[in-house]
N, C-alpha and C. Protein backbone atom coordinates (compact mmCIF):
# COMPACT_ATOMS: atom_id res chain seq x y z
N MET A 1 -20.93 57.68 -45.84
CA MET A 1 -21.72 56.34 -46.17
C MET A 1 -22.86 57.36 -47.31
N SER A 2 -22.86 56.46 -48.03
CA SER A 2 -24.13 57.28 -49.24
C SER A 2 -25.29 56.06 -49.46
N ASP A 3 -25.32 55.36 -48.83
CA ASP A 3 -26.11 54.31 -48.75
C ASP A 3 -27.07 54.14 -47.70
N VAL A 4 -27.38 55.04 -46.64
CA VAL A 4 -27.97 55.01 -45.58
C VAL A 4 -29.66 54.77 -45.71
N VAL A 5 -29.81 53.92 -44.78
CA VAL A 5 -31.32 53.32 -44.78
C VAL A 5 -31.81 53.91 -43.70
N ASP A 6 -33.11 53.96 -43.50
CA ASP A 6 -34.03 54.26 -42.59
C ASP A 6 -33.79 53.53 -41.17
N VAL A 7 -33.39 53.89 -39.90
CA VAL A 7 -33.13 52.98 -38.83
C VAL A 7 -34.14 53.53 -37.51
N THR A 8 -35.18 52.52 -37.23
CA THR A 8 -35.60 53.08 -36.05
C THR A 8 -34.70 53.47 -34.84
N THR A 9 -34.97 54.30 -34.17
CA THR A 9 -34.36 54.82 -32.81
C THR A 9 -35.30 55.24 -32.25
N GLY A 10 -34.91 55.10 -30.57
CA GLY A 10 -35.78 55.94 -29.74
C GLY A 10 -37.11 54.76 -29.34
N PRO A 11 -37.79 55.16 -28.30
CA PRO A 11 -39.00 54.34 -27.94
C PRO A 11 -39.71 54.14 -29.24
N ILE A 12 -40.26 52.94 -29.20
CA ILE A 12 -41.28 52.69 -30.41
C ILE A 12 -42.79 53.01 -29.63
N ARG A 13 -43.72 53.79 -30.25
CA ARG A 13 -44.88 54.34 -29.77
C ARG A 13 -45.87 52.65 -29.68
N GLY A 14 -46.63 52.85 -28.47
CA GLY A 14 -47.42 51.97 -28.28
C GLY A 14 -46.91 50.62 -27.66
N SER A 15 -45.67 50.84 -27.04
CA SER A 15 -45.07 49.91 -26.16
C SER A 15 -44.41 50.46 -25.58
N THR A 16 -43.84 49.51 -24.38
CA THR A 16 -42.80 49.81 -23.59
C THR A 16 -41.79 48.90 -23.73
N LYS A 17 -40.27 49.16 -23.31
CA LYS A 17 -39.29 48.37 -23.25
C LYS A 17 -39.05 47.77 -21.91
N LEU A 18 -38.92 46.24 -21.83
CA LEU A 18 -38.64 46.08 -20.36
C LEU A 18 -37.44 44.74 -20.42
N TYR A 19 -37.10 44.52 -19.24
CA TYR A 19 -36.08 43.38 -19.43
C TYR A 19 -36.64 42.71 -18.02
N ARG A 20 -36.08 41.22 -18.42
CA ARG A 20 -36.44 40.11 -17.49
C ARG A 20 -35.21 39.30 -17.83
N ASN A 21 -34.50 39.23 -16.15
CA ASN A 21 -33.50 38.61 -16.13
C ASN A 21 -32.28 38.97 -17.09
N GLY A 22 -32.28 40.19 -17.44
CA GLY A 22 -31.29 40.79 -18.65
C GLY A 22 -31.84 40.69 -20.16
N VAL A 23 -33.07 39.95 -20.07
CA VAL A 23 -33.49 39.42 -21.75
C VAL A 23 -34.66 41.14 -21.75
N PRO A 24 -34.39 41.39 -23.19
CA PRO A 24 -35.59 42.50 -23.52
C PRO A 24 -36.72 42.15 -23.88
N PHE A 25 -37.48 42.80 -23.61
CA PHE A 25 -38.99 42.36 -23.89
C PHE A 25 -39.67 43.64 -24.33
N ARG A 26 -40.56 43.47 -25.24
CA ARG A 26 -41.63 44.71 -25.70
C ARG A 26 -42.92 44.63 -25.12
N ARG A 27 -43.20 45.42 -24.33
CA ARG A 27 -44.80 45.24 -23.64
C ARG A 27 -45.75 45.68 -24.72
N VAL A 28 -46.54 45.15 -25.21
CA VAL A 28 -47.23 45.79 -26.18
C VAL A 28 -48.97 45.49 -25.42
N ARG A 29 -49.73 47.09 -25.38
CA ARG A 29 -51.20 46.91 -24.88
C ARG A 29 -52.21 46.58 -25.73
N LEU A 30 -52.76 45.59 -25.55
CA LEU A 30 -54.01 45.40 -26.22
C LEU A 30 -55.26 46.23 -26.18
N THR A 31 -56.28 46.10 -26.98
CA THR A 31 -57.33 46.50 -26.92
C THR A 31 -58.29 46.22 -25.69
N ASN A 32 -58.11 45.04 -25.42
CA ASN A 32 -58.95 44.58 -24.37
C ASN A 32 -58.38 44.79 -22.69
N GLY A 33 -57.17 45.49 -22.89
CA GLY A 33 -56.56 45.95 -21.73
C GLY A 33 -55.47 45.26 -20.97
N GLU A 34 -55.42 43.81 -21.58
CA GLU A 34 -54.40 43.03 -21.08
C GLU A 34 -53.03 43.68 -21.96
N HIS A 35 -51.95 43.02 -21.89
CA HIS A 35 -50.88 43.40 -22.66
C HIS A 35 -50.18 42.06 -23.03
N LEU A 36 -49.16 42.10 -24.02
CA LEU A 36 -48.44 40.92 -24.87
C LEU A 36 -47.04 41.21 -24.70
N ASP A 37 -46.15 40.49 -23.73
CA ASP A 37 -45.09 40.77 -23.95
C ASP A 37 -44.27 40.06 -25.32
N LEU A 38 -43.58 40.70 -26.00
CA LEU A 38 -42.49 40.12 -27.33
C LEU A 38 -41.26 40.20 -26.92
N TYR A 39 -40.41 39.30 -27.54
CA TYR A 39 -39.02 39.16 -27.36
C TYR A 39 -38.62 40.63 -28.09
N ASP A 40 -37.87 41.39 -27.88
CA ASP A 40 -37.17 42.91 -28.21
C ASP A 40 -35.99 42.36 -29.06
N THR A 41 -35.52 42.14 -30.15
CA THR A 41 -34.77 42.14 -30.96
C THR A 41 -33.72 43.38 -31.66
N SER A 42 -34.12 44.45 -31.13
CA SER A 42 -34.15 45.99 -31.57
C SER A 42 -32.68 46.42 -30.98
N GLY A 43 -32.44 45.71 -29.92
CA GLY A 43 -30.82 45.89 -29.11
C GLY A 43 -30.88 47.31 -28.57
N PRO A 44 -30.15 48.21 -28.25
CA PRO A 44 -29.89 49.25 -27.81
C PRO A 44 -30.35 50.57 -28.71
N TYR A 45 -30.98 50.35 -29.94
CA TYR A 45 -31.51 51.46 -30.84
C TYR A 45 -32.88 51.75 -30.58
N THR A 46 -33.34 51.05 -29.73
CA THR A 46 -34.94 51.53 -28.87
C THR A 46 -34.97 51.80 -27.81
N HIS A 47 -33.74 51.84 -27.02
CA HIS A 47 -33.56 52.36 -25.33
C HIS A 47 -33.86 53.91 -25.46
N GLY A 48 -34.81 54.19 -24.66
CA GLY A 48 -34.92 55.68 -24.35
C GLY A 48 -33.69 56.49 -24.01
N ASP A 49 -32.49 55.81 -23.58
CA ASP A 49 -31.20 56.80 -23.52
C ASP A 49 -30.36 56.64 -23.95
N ALA A 50 -30.58 55.52 -24.92
CA ALA A 50 -29.37 55.56 -25.86
C ALA A 50 -29.10 56.42 -26.94
N VAL A 51 -27.47 56.73 -27.25
CA VAL A 51 -27.07 57.43 -28.07
C VAL A 51 -26.84 57.02 -29.18
N ILE A 52 -27.33 57.04 -30.49
CA ILE A 52 -26.91 56.12 -31.61
C ILE A 52 -26.32 56.95 -32.93
N ASP A 53 -25.37 56.57 -32.84
CA ASP A 53 -24.30 57.37 -34.35
C ASP A 53 -24.25 56.01 -35.10
N LEU A 54 -25.22 55.97 -36.14
CA LEU A 54 -24.87 54.89 -37.23
C LEU A 54 -23.65 54.90 -37.84
N GLU A 55 -23.01 56.07 -37.78
CA GLU A 55 -21.70 56.08 -38.76
C GLU A 55 -20.60 55.43 -37.90
N ALA A 56 -20.39 55.25 -36.57
CA ALA A 56 -19.79 54.99 -35.66
C ALA A 56 -19.94 53.34 -35.31
N GLY A 57 -21.55 53.11 -35.34
CA GLY A 57 -21.79 51.78 -35.22
C GLY A 57 -21.81 51.63 -33.64
N LEU A 58 -22.05 50.46 -33.16
CA LEU A 58 -22.39 50.11 -31.60
C LEU A 58 -21.12 49.89 -31.13
N PRO A 59 -20.85 50.29 -29.83
CA PRO A 59 -19.61 49.92 -29.36
C PRO A 59 -19.51 48.19 -28.94
N ARG A 60 -17.89 48.02 -28.99
CA ARG A 60 -17.74 46.56 -28.99
C ARG A 60 -17.92 46.21 -27.42
N ARG A 61 -18.33 44.71 -27.10
CA ARG A 61 -18.47 44.78 -25.90
C ARG A 61 -17.30 44.44 -25.35
N THR A 62 -17.15 44.64 -23.88
CA THR A 62 -16.00 44.48 -23.13
C THR A 62 -15.37 42.98 -23.17
N ILE A 63 -16.42 42.01 -22.93
CA ILE A 63 -15.88 40.97 -22.80
C ILE A 63 -15.23 40.09 -24.08
N THR A 64 -15.48 40.87 -25.12
CA THR A 64 -14.98 40.17 -26.43
C THR A 64 -13.56 40.85 -26.72
N ARG A 65 -13.54 42.11 -26.09
CA ARG A 65 -12.53 42.81 -25.99
C ARG A 65 -10.85 42.55 -25.25
N ASP A 66 -11.51 41.91 -24.18
CA ASP A 66 -10.85 41.43 -23.20
C ASP A 66 -10.37 40.01 -23.38
N ARG A 67 -11.09 39.15 -23.88
CA ARG A 67 -10.38 37.79 -24.27
C ARG A 67 -10.56 37.14 -25.57
N GLY A 68 -10.90 38.36 -26.32
CA GLY A 68 -10.76 37.77 -27.84
C GLY A 68 -11.99 37.30 -28.32
N THR A 69 -12.26 37.24 -29.51
CA THR A 69 -13.33 36.53 -29.92
C THR A 69 -13.25 34.82 -29.58
N GLN A 70 -14.54 34.40 -30.45
CA GLN A 70 -14.13 33.08 -30.11
C GLN A 70 -13.64 32.09 -31.35
N LEU A 71 -13.54 32.71 -32.40
CA LEU A 71 -12.29 32.41 -33.54
C LEU A 71 -11.16 32.40 -33.23
N GLN A 72 -10.61 33.84 -32.44
CA GLN A 72 -9.39 33.90 -32.03
C GLN A 72 -8.94 33.10 -31.08
N ARG A 73 -9.58 32.85 -30.29
CA ARG A 73 -9.56 31.57 -29.16
C ARG A 73 -9.49 30.46 -29.65
N ALA A 74 -10.14 29.98 -30.97
CA ALA A 74 -10.07 28.90 -31.58
C ALA A 74 -8.86 28.52 -32.29
N ARG A 75 -8.33 29.57 -33.01
CA ARG A 75 -7.19 29.71 -33.62
C ARG A 75 -6.03 29.58 -32.80
N ALA A 76 -6.18 30.19 -31.73
CA ALA A 76 -4.96 30.18 -30.72
C ALA A 76 -5.12 28.26 -29.93
N GLY A 77 -6.01 27.68 -30.28
CA GLY A 77 -5.90 26.14 -29.58
C GLY A 77 -6.65 26.15 -28.22
N GLU A 78 -7.54 27.18 -28.26
CA GLU A 78 -8.00 27.23 -26.78
C GLU A 78 -9.66 26.40 -26.99
N ILE A 79 -10.11 25.52 -26.41
CA ILE A 79 -11.49 24.83 -26.19
C ILE A 79 -12.19 25.66 -25.49
N THR A 80 -13.38 26.48 -25.80
CA THR A 80 -14.26 27.02 -25.14
C THR A 80 -15.68 26.11 -24.79
N ALA A 81 -16.45 26.76 -23.96
CA ALA A 81 -17.50 25.78 -23.63
C ALA A 81 -18.66 25.93 -24.46
N GLU A 82 -18.33 26.65 -25.57
CA GLU A 82 -19.12 26.46 -26.93
C GLU A 82 -18.81 25.63 -27.75
N MET A 83 -17.50 25.30 -27.52
CA MET A 83 -17.04 24.26 -28.75
C MET A 83 -16.77 22.87 -28.31
N ALA A 84 -17.12 22.78 -26.87
CA ALA A 84 -17.06 21.39 -25.99
C ALA A 84 -18.65 20.66 -26.23
């Protein structure tokens, strides 16, 4: 891959990653001592324990591997909850 762009990996300085009901947030401390929780779209890239290999990409979720993608299921004639 010759056109590799910079990708932020690892913890982001000035914030901590937390989860609420499995939903990722980033807690940012404000100068007045309070904090602001922001929805975190960085995925596993900024998780402290994540091993990131940009050449290999992210692993597929087992749920997709086990039952197929929504497109595959639609082509097979199956109506999923998302389609109903």
